[in-house]
Amino acid sequence: MARGWESKSVEEQQSQIPSPSPKPGPRPTPEQIARQRQRQGLLLSRAHVIQQLENAQNTHHRQMLEGALVDLDAQLARLG
C-alpha cells in the first residue's frame, strides 16, 4: 500500500493547524469608515493630479493643477 494512504490526508493535517485569529478590537464606526474612504479618494486624486502635473506643459494648465494640489492637501489636512 502506498505510504500516502497510511498517513492523514493533507486536508486533515491543515485543519489541525490553529488558524491565526483576527485581533479583537473595536469596530470602526460608520463615520470613521466614511472618513477613511474620503481620505483614500483624496489621496488617489492627489496622485492623479501629481501625475498630470509632471506631464503638463501649458503654463495655465500647470497653475490650475498646482491650485488643485493645494486644495487637495488642505482637504487632507482637515481630515487629519
N, C-alpha and C. Protein backbone atom coordinates (compact mmCIF):
# COMPACT_ATOMS: atom_id res chain seq x y z
N MET A 1 0.85 -1.18 0.00
CA MET A 1 0.00 0.00 0.00
C MET A 1 0.89 1.24 0.00
N ALA A 2 0.47 2.28 -0.67
CA ALA A 2 1.26 3.50 -0.76
C ALA A 2 1.32 4.19 0.59
N ARG A 3 2.44 4.80 0.85
CA ARG A 3 2.66 5.45 2.13
C ARG A 3 1.65 6.57 2.38
N GLY A 4 1.25 7.28 1.34
CA GLY A 4 0.30 8.39 1.47
C GLY A 4 -1.04 7.95 2.03
N TRP A 5 -1.43 6.73 1.75
CA TRP A 5 -2.72 6.24 2.24
C TRP A 5 -2.68 5.94 3.74
N GLU A 6 -1.50 5.68 4.26
CA GLU A 6 -1.38 5.36 5.68
C GLU A 6 -1.43 6.61 6.55
N SER A 7 -0.93 7.71 6.04
CA SER A 7 -0.88 8.93 6.85
C SER A 7 -2.17 9.72 6.68
N LYS A 8 -2.31 10.69 7.55
CA LYS A 8 -3.50 11.56 7.47
C LYS A 8 -3.49 12.33 6.16
N SER A 9 -4.64 12.65 5.70
CA SER A 9 -4.70 13.44 4.47
C SER A 9 -4.22 14.86 4.76
N VAL A 10 -3.78 15.51 3.72
CA VAL A 10 -3.28 16.88 3.84
C VAL A 10 -4.38 17.79 4.41
N GLU A 11 -5.58 17.56 3.97
CA GLU A 11 -6.69 18.39 4.44
C GLU A 11 -6.88 18.24 5.95
N GLU A 12 -6.79 17.03 6.45
CA GLU A 12 -6.93 16.80 7.89
C GLU A 12 -5.79 17.45 8.65
N GLN A 13 -4.59 17.35 8.10
CA GLN A 13 -3.43 17.95 8.76
C GLN A 13 -3.57 19.47 8.83
N GLN A 14 -4.04 20.06 7.76
CA GLN A 14 -4.19 21.51 7.74
C GLN A 14 -5.29 21.97 8.67
N SER A 15 -6.33 21.15 8.82
CA SER A 15 -7.42 21.55 9.69
C SER A 15 -7.01 21.52 11.16
N GLN A 16 -5.96 20.77 11.48
CA GLN A 16 -5.49 20.69 12.85
C GLN A 16 -4.56 21.84 13.22
N ILE A 17 -4.05 22.54 12.23
CA ILE A 17 -3.18 23.69 12.49
C ILE A 17 -4.05 24.84 12.98
N PRO A 18 -3.69 25.42 14.12
CA PRO A 18 -4.51 26.53 14.61
C PRO A 18 -4.42 27.72 13.66
N SER A 19 -5.56 28.24 13.27
CA SER A 19 -5.57 29.37 12.35
C SER A 19 -5.41 30.66 13.16
N PRO A 20 -4.67 31.61 12.61
CA PRO A 20 -4.49 32.88 13.32
C PRO A 20 -5.83 33.61 13.40
N SER A 21 -6.21 33.94 14.58
CA SER A 21 -7.48 34.64 14.75
C SER A 21 -7.23 36.14 14.63
N PRO A 22 -8.18 36.84 14.03
CA PRO A 22 -8.01 38.29 13.92
C PRO A 22 -8.00 38.91 15.31
N LYS A 23 -7.21 39.95 15.44
CA LYS A 23 -7.11 40.63 16.72
C LYS A 23 -8.45 41.27 17.06
N PRO A 24 -8.94 40.96 18.23
CA PRO A 24 -10.20 41.60 18.62
C PRO A 24 -9.95 43.07 18.92
N GLY A 25 -10.86 43.86 18.51
CA GLY A 25 -10.72 45.29 18.73
C GLY A 25 -12.03 45.97 18.39
N PRO A 26 -12.09 47.22 18.69
CA PRO A 26 -13.32 47.93 18.39
C PRO A 26 -13.51 48.07 16.88
N ARG A 27 -14.73 47.86 16.46
CA ARG A 27 -15.05 48.03 15.04
C ARG A 27 -15.14 49.51 14.73
N PRO A 28 -14.70 49.90 13.54
CA PRO A 28 -14.81 51.32 13.19
C PRO A 28 -16.28 51.71 13.01
N THR A 29 -16.57 52.93 13.40
CA THR A 29 -17.93 53.44 13.26
C THR A 29 -18.18 53.79 11.79
N PRO A 30 -19.44 53.94 11.39
CA PRO A 30 -19.72 54.33 10.01
C PRO A 30 -19.07 55.67 9.65
N GLU A 31 -18.97 56.57 10.62
CA GLU A 31 -18.32 57.86 10.35
C GLU A 31 -16.83 57.66 10.07
N GLN A 32 -16.20 56.77 10.83
CA GLN A 32 -14.78 56.50 10.61
C GLN A 32 -14.55 55.84 9.26
N ILE A 33 -15.43 54.95 8.88
CA ILE A 33 -15.31 54.29 7.58
C ILE A 33 -15.47 55.31 6.46
N ALA A 34 -16.46 56.19 6.60
CA ALA A 34 -16.69 57.22 5.58
C ALA A 34 -15.48 58.15 5.48
N ARG A 35 -14.91 58.52 6.63
CA ARG A 35 -13.75 59.40 6.64
C ARG A 35 -12.56 58.72 5.97
N GLN A 36 -12.38 57.44 6.24
CA GLN A 36 -11.28 56.69 5.65
C GLN A 36 -11.45 56.60 4.12
N ARG A 37 -12.67 56.36 3.67
CA ARG A 37 -12.92 56.30 2.22
C ARG A 37 -12.69 57.66 1.58
N GLN A 38 -13.10 58.71 2.26
CA GLN A 38 -12.90 60.05 1.71
C GLN A 38 -11.40 60.34 1.61
N ARG A 39 -10.66 59.96 2.64
CA ARG A 39 -9.21 60.18 2.63
C ARG A 39 -8.56 59.40 1.48
N GLN A 40 -8.98 58.15 1.28
CA GLN A 40 -8.42 57.35 0.20
C GLN A 40 -8.73 57.98 -1.16
N GLY A 41 -9.93 58.49 -1.31
CA GLY A 41 -10.31 59.16 -2.56
C GLY A 41 -9.47 60.40 -2.80
N LEU A 42 -9.24 61.17 -1.75
CA LEU A 42 -8.41 62.37 -1.88
C LEU A 42 -6.97 62.01 -2.24
N LEU A 43 -6.46 60.94 -1.63
CA LEU A 43 -5.09 60.52 -1.95
C LEU A 43 -4.97 60.04 -3.39
N LEU A 44 -5.99 59.36 -3.88
CA LEU A 44 -5.98 58.95 -5.28
C LEU A 44 -6.04 60.15 -6.21
N SER A 45 -6.89 61.11 -5.86
CA SER A 45 -6.99 62.33 -6.67
C SER A 45 -5.67 63.09 -6.67
N ARG A 46 -5.04 63.14 -5.51
CA ARG A 46 -3.76 63.84 -5.38
C ARG A 46 -2.70 63.18 -6.26
N ALA A 47 -2.65 61.85 -6.25
CA ALA A 47 -1.69 61.13 -7.08
C ALA A 47 -1.95 61.39 -8.56
N HIS A 48 -3.23 61.46 -8.93
CA HIS A 48 -3.58 61.73 -10.32
C HIS A 48 -3.16 63.14 -10.73
N VAL A 49 -3.39 64.10 -9.86
CA VAL A 49 -3.01 65.49 -10.16
C VAL A 49 -1.49 65.60 -10.29
N ILE A 50 -0.77 64.93 -9.42
CA ILE A 50 0.70 64.98 -9.49
C ILE A 50 1.18 64.38 -10.81
N GLN A 51 0.57 63.28 -11.22
CA GLN A 51 0.94 62.66 -12.49
C GLN A 51 0.67 63.62 -13.65
N GLN A 52 -0.47 64.29 -13.63
CA GLN A 52 -0.79 65.25 -14.69
C GLN A 52 0.17 66.43 -14.65
N LEU A 53 0.53 66.84 -13.44
CA LEU A 53 1.43 67.99 -13.30
C LEU A 53 2.81 67.68 -13.88
N GLU A 54 3.25 66.45 -13.73
CA GLU A 54 4.55 66.06 -14.29
C GLU A 54 4.56 66.13 -15.81
N ASN A 55 3.40 65.92 -16.42
CA ASN A 55 3.33 65.91 -17.88
C ASN A 55 2.83 67.21 -18.48
N ALA A 56 2.33 68.11 -17.66
CA ALA A 56 1.75 69.35 -18.17
C ALA A 56 2.83 70.29 -18.70
N GLN A 57 2.54 70.89 -19.86
CA GLN A 57 3.48 71.83 -20.45
C GLN A 57 2.89 73.22 -20.55
N ASN A 58 1.58 73.32 -20.61
CA ASN A 58 0.91 74.61 -20.69
C ASN A 58 0.94 75.28 -19.32
N THR A 59 1.36 76.53 -19.28
CA THR A 59 1.51 77.27 -18.03
C THR A 59 0.20 77.39 -17.27
N HIS A 60 -0.86 77.69 -17.98
CA HIS A 60 -2.16 77.85 -17.32
C HIS A 60 -2.66 76.52 -16.76
N HIS A 61 -2.43 75.47 -17.49
CA HIS A 61 -2.84 74.14 -17.02
C HIS A 61 -2.04 73.75 -15.78
N ARG A 62 -0.74 74.06 -15.79
CA ARG A 62 0.10 73.77 -14.62
C ARG A 62 -0.39 74.55 -13.40
N GLN A 63 -0.76 75.82 -13.59
CA GLN A 63 -1.26 76.63 -12.48
C GLN A 63 -2.56 76.05 -11.92
N MET A 64 -3.43 75.60 -12.82
CA MET A 64 -4.68 75.01 -12.37
C MET A 64 -4.40 73.74 -11.56
N LEU A 65 -3.48 72.91 -12.03
CA LEU A 65 -3.15 71.67 -11.33
C LEU A 65 -2.48 71.95 -9.98
N GLU A 66 -1.63 72.97 -9.94
CA GLU A 66 -0.99 73.33 -8.67
C GLU A 66 -2.03 73.82 -7.67
N GLY A 67 -3.02 74.57 -8.14
CA GLY A 67 -4.11 75.01 -7.27
C GLY A 67 -4.93 73.83 -6.76
N ALA A 68 -5.17 72.86 -7.64
CA ALA A 68 -5.91 71.67 -7.23
C ALA A 68 -5.12 70.88 -6.19
N LEU A 69 -3.82 70.84 -6.35
CA LEU A 69 -2.97 70.12 -5.41
C LEU A 69 -3.00 70.79 -4.03
N VAL A 70 -2.97 72.11 -4.01
CA VAL A 70 -3.06 72.85 -2.75
C VAL A 70 -4.40 72.59 -2.08
N ASP A 71 -5.47 72.59 -2.87
CA ASP A 71 -6.80 72.32 -2.34
C ASP A 71 -6.91 70.91 -1.77
N LEU A 72 -6.38 69.93 -2.49
CA LEU A 72 -6.41 68.55 -2.00
C LEU A 72 -5.61 68.40 -0.71
N ASP A 73 -4.45 69.05 -0.64
CA ASP A 73 -3.65 69.00 0.59
C ASP A 73 -4.40 69.62 1.77
N ALA A 74 -5.12 70.71 1.51
CA ALA A 74 -5.89 71.35 2.56
C ALA A 74 -7.02 70.42 3.05
N GLN A 75 -7.69 69.75 2.11
CA GLN A 75 -8.75 68.82 2.50
C GLN A 75 -8.18 67.65 3.31
N LEU A 76 -7.03 67.15 2.91
CA LEU A 76 -6.40 66.07 3.66
C LEU A 76 -6.01 66.53 5.07
N ALA A 77 -5.54 67.75 5.18
CA ALA A 77 -5.15 68.28 6.49
C ALA A 77 -6.37 68.39 7.41
N ARG A 78 -7.51 68.78 6.84
CA ARG A 78 -8.73 68.89 7.64
C ARG A 78 -9.22 67.53 8.13
N LEU A 79 -8.98 66.50 7.33
CA LEU A 79 -9.39 65.16 7.74
C LEU A 79 -8.52 64.61 8.87
N GLY A 80 -7.29 65.10 8.92
CA GLY A 80 -6.40 64.68 9.99
C GLY A 80 -5.53 63.59 9.67
